[in-house]
Amino acid sequence: MNDLVCPLDFRYGRKEVKEIFGEEKRLQYLLDVEAALAKAHAKVGNIPKEAADEIARKASTRYVKIDRVKEIEAETKHDIMAITRALSEQCKG
């Protein structure tokens, strides 16, 4: 994602709170949004249900890796486009 770091981000706070606001969790939240969008598009007929199901299955940090998102973001200079592209690389169709 981006390289900006707040000095308070990781120095203070409990482990549980850091996990909620950490980089991997942020990526997962954004992937959750992509999955919900795919399901909504399928519901109104914009994309096939099978495509939405695959997107929802692959919209996970198990498949979409932070390092790959960062590589794409370095090229595109756009965090959401990087996530979308990294997710699409994991899907067949």
Protein backbone atom coordinates (compact mmCIF):
# COMPACT_ATOMS: atom_id res chain seq x y z
CA MET A 1 0.00 0.00 0.00
CA ASN A 2 1.79 3.28 0.72
CA ASP A 3 4.99 3.88 2.64
CA LEU A 4 3.66 6.57 4.96
CA VAL A 5 4.03 5.54 8.57
CA CYS A 6 2.71 7.28 11.63
CA PRO A 7 5.18 7.02 14.52
CA LEU A 8 2.30 6.05 16.79
CA ASP A 9 1.10 3.17 14.60
CA PHE A 10 3.28 0.42 15.99
CA ARG A 11 5.00 1.88 19.01
CA TYR A 12 1.97 2.14 21.26
CA GLY A 13 -1.09 0.04 21.78
CA ARG A 14 -2.02 -3.52 22.47
CA LYS A 15 -1.33 -6.34 20.04
CA GLU A 16 -5.07 -6.89 19.47
CA VAL A 17 -5.57 -3.27 18.41
CA LYS A 18 -2.51 -3.33 16.15
CA GLU A 19 -3.89 -6.41 14.42
CA ILE A 20 -7.19 -4.65 13.69
CA PHE A 21 -5.46 -1.68 12.05
CA GLY A 22 -2.47 -3.50 10.55
CA GLU A 23 -1.54 -3.59 6.89
CA GLU A 24 -2.73 -7.16 6.28
CA LYS A 25 -6.05 -6.51 8.00
CA ARG A 26 -6.55 -3.36 5.91
CA LEU A 27 -5.94 -5.41 2.77
CA GLN A 28 -8.46 -8.00 3.93
CA TYR A 29 -11.08 -5.31 4.60
CA LEU A 30 -10.61 -3.95 1.08
CA LEU A 31 -10.83 -7.47 -0.37
CA ASP A 32 -14.07 -7.94 1.57
CA VAL A 33 -15.42 -4.86 -0.21
CA GLU A 34 -14.38 -6.30 -3.59
CA ALA A 35 -16.18 -9.55 -2.76
CA ALA A 36 -19.34 -7.68 -1.75
CA LEU A 37 -19.23 -5.61 -4.94
CA ALA A 38 -18.88 -8.74 -7.05
CA LYS A 39 -21.88 -10.33 -5.33
CA ALA A 40 -23.93 -7.17 -5.87
CA HIS A 41 -22.98 -7.05 -9.56
CA ALA A 42 -24.00 -10.69 -9.94
CA LYS A 43 -27.30 -10.05 -8.20
CA VAL A 44 -28.27 -7.41 -10.76
CA GLY A 45 -26.93 -9.42 -13.69
CA ASN A 46 -23.79 -7.44 -14.52
CA ILE A 47 -21.50 -10.45 -14.08
CA PRO A 48 -22.13 -14.20 -13.90
CA LYS A 49 -22.82 -15.64 -10.45
CA GLU A 50 -19.94 -18.09 -10.94
CA ALA A 51 -17.53 -15.18 -11.45
CA ALA A 52 -18.78 -13.47 -8.30
CA ASP A 53 -18.43 -16.71 -6.35
CA GLU A 54 -14.83 -17.12 -7.49
CA ILE A 55 -13.99 -13.50 -6.69
CA ALA A 56 -15.52 -13.91 -3.23
CA ARG A 57 -13.54 -17.13 -2.64
CA LYS A 58 -10.25 -15.59 -3.75
CA ALA A 59 -10.78 -12.23 -1.99
CA SER A 60 -8.55 -13.27 0.86
CA THR A 61 -5.02 -12.57 2.00
CA ARG A 62 -4.47 -16.31 1.61
CA TYR A 63 -4.50 -15.65 -2.15
CA VAL A 64 -3.80 -11.93 -2.56
CA LYS A 65 -0.43 -11.12 -1.01
CA ILE A 66 0.65 -7.73 0.28
CA ASP A 67 3.98 -7.95 -1.54
CA ARG A 68 2.22 -8.45 -4.89
CA VAL A 69 -0.14 -5.56 -4.20
CA LYS A 70 2.86 -3.34 -3.44
CA GLU A 71 4.56 -4.36 -6.71
CA ILE A 72 1.49 -3.44 -8.72
CA GLU A 73 0.97 -0.22 -6.78
CA ALA A 74 4.53 0.84 -7.59
CA GLU A 75 3.56 0.61 -11.28
CA THR A 76 0.03 2.01 -11.13
CA LYS A 77 0.44 4.53 -8.29
CA HIS A 78 -3.07 3.52 -7.19
CA ASP A 79 -3.76 1.31 -4.18
CA ILE A 80 -7.25 0.13 -5.13
CA MET A 81 -6.25 -0.66 -8.71
CA ALA A 82 -3.33 -2.66 -7.33
CA ILE A 83 -5.64 -4.70 -5.09
CA THR A 84 -8.12 -5.27 -7.92
CA ARG A 85 -5.36 -6.40 -10.26
CA ALA A 86 -3.75 -8.69 -7.69
CA LEU A 87 -7.16 -10.24 -7.01
CA SER A 88 -7.87 -10.71 -10.72
CA GLU A 89 -4.56 -12.55 -11.10
CA GLN A 90 -5.88 -15.16 -8.67
CA CYS A 91 -9.14 -15.71 -10.57
CA LYS A 92 -9.46 -17.99 -13.61
CA GLY A 93 -11.88 -16.03 -15.72
